[in-house]
């Protein structure tokens, strides 16, 4: 499911690489890089306290991981695009 979302969102070159490989269901280096790319976009877009919480979470956990902080910030970011 995560890979399909990365492909659908088409955030940048890493997401496009996932699209080229297809949604395999394997959380490997390609998916990890695409998630890190998404995190960069979200961190730069989310403002205020939520951005600080996400930045702290990324420092605490490995960048490229898909956890609650990334999910919440991504949902907020995507909601702001409406």
Protein backbone atom coordinates (compact mmCIF):
# COMPACT_ATOMS: atom_id res chain seq x y z
CA UNK A 1 0.00 0.00 0.00
CA UNK A 2 2.78 2.47 0.89
CA UNK A 3 4.49 1.98 -2.45
CA UNK A 4 1.22 2.55 -4.30
CA UNK A 5 0.78 5.83 -2.39
CA UNK A 6 4.34 6.91 -3.18
CA UNK A 7 3.70 6.15 -6.85
CA UNK A 8 0.38 8.03 -6.80
CA UNK A 9 1.84 11.10 -5.03
CA UNK A 10 4.81 11.20 -7.46
CA UNK A 11 6.75 13.53 -5.15
CA UNK A 12 10.08 13.30 -7.03
CA UNK A 13 12.70 11.11 -8.68
CA UNK A 14 12.80 8.47 -5.93
CA UNK A 15 9.02 8.03 -6.13
CA UNK A 16 9.32 7.71 -9.90
CA UNK A 17 11.97 5.00 -9.39
CA UNK A 18 9.48 3.10 -7.20
CA UNK A 19 6.90 3.51 -9.99
CA UNK A 20 9.35 2.06 -12.51
CA UNK A 21 10.04 -0.94 -10.25
CA UNK A 22 6.36 -1.37 -9.39
CA UNK A 23 4.65 -1.90 -6.04
CA UNK A 24 6.40 -5.07 -4.86
CA UNK A 25 5.32 -4.91 -1.22
CA UNK A 26 8.98 -5.07 -0.14
CA UNK A 27 10.26 -2.20 2.02
CA UNK A 28 13.73 -2.10 0.52
CA UNK A 29 16.26 0.64 -0.22
CA UNK A 30 14.21 2.08 -3.10
CA UNK A 31 11.11 2.53 -0.92
CA UNK A 32 13.21 3.86 1.95
CA UNK A 33 14.70 6.55 -0.30
CA UNK A 34 11.25 7.48 -1.63
CA UNK A 35 9.92 7.84 1.93
CA UNK A 36 12.94 10.00 2.85
CA UNK A 37 12.21 12.15 -0.20
CA UNK A 38 8.58 12.51 0.91
CA UNK A 39 9.71 13.42 4.42
CA UNK A 40 11.90 16.20 3.03
CA UNK A 41 8.97 17.64 1.08
CA UNK A 42 6.64 17.40 4.07
CA UNK A 43 9.15 18.93 6.53
CA UNK A 44 9.62 21.88 4.18
CA UNK A 45 5.85 22.32 3.76
CA UNK A 46 4.53 21.80 7.30
CA UNK A 47 4.86 24.89 9.48
CA UNK A 48 4.98 25.64 13.18
CA UNK A 49 4.75 23.11 15.97
CA UNK A 50 3.89 20.16 13.70
CA UNK A 51 7.07 20.70 11.66
CA UNK A 52 9.12 20.75 14.86
CA UNK A 53 7.49 17.52 16.07
CA UNK A 54 8.21 15.85 12.73
CA UNK A 55 11.82 17.06 12.69
CA UNK A 56 12.32 15.70 16.22
CA UNK A 57 10.82 12.36 15.21
CA UNK A 58 13.11 12.13 12.19
CA UNK A 59 16.12 12.79 14.42
CA UNK A 60 14.98 10.13 16.89
CA UNK A 61 14.25 7.48 14.26
CA UNK A 62 15.94 6.62 11.01
CA UNK A 63 15.05 8.91 8.14
CA UNK A 64 13.16 6.91 5.58
CA UNK A 65 11.01 5.10 8.12
CA UNK A 66 7.24 5.27 7.78
CA UNK A 67 5.98 5.86 11.32
CA UNK A 68 3.21 7.79 13.06
CA UNK A 69 4.97 11.18 12.82
CA UNK A 70 5.54 10.86 9.08
CA UNK A 71 1.96 9.62 8.55
CA UNK A 72 0.44 12.51 10.52
CA UNK A 73 2.58 15.18 8.84
CA UNK A 74 1.94 13.70 5.40
CA UNK A 75 -1.82 13.73 5.97
CA UNK A 76 -1.59 17.36 7.10
CA UNK A 77 0.52 18.27 4.08
CA UNK A 78 -1.78 16.54 1.61
CA UNK A 79 -4.79 18.19 3.24
CA UNK A 80 -3.18 21.60 2.69
CA UNK A 81 -3.04 20.95 -1.07
CA UNK A 82 -6.83 21.06 -1.39
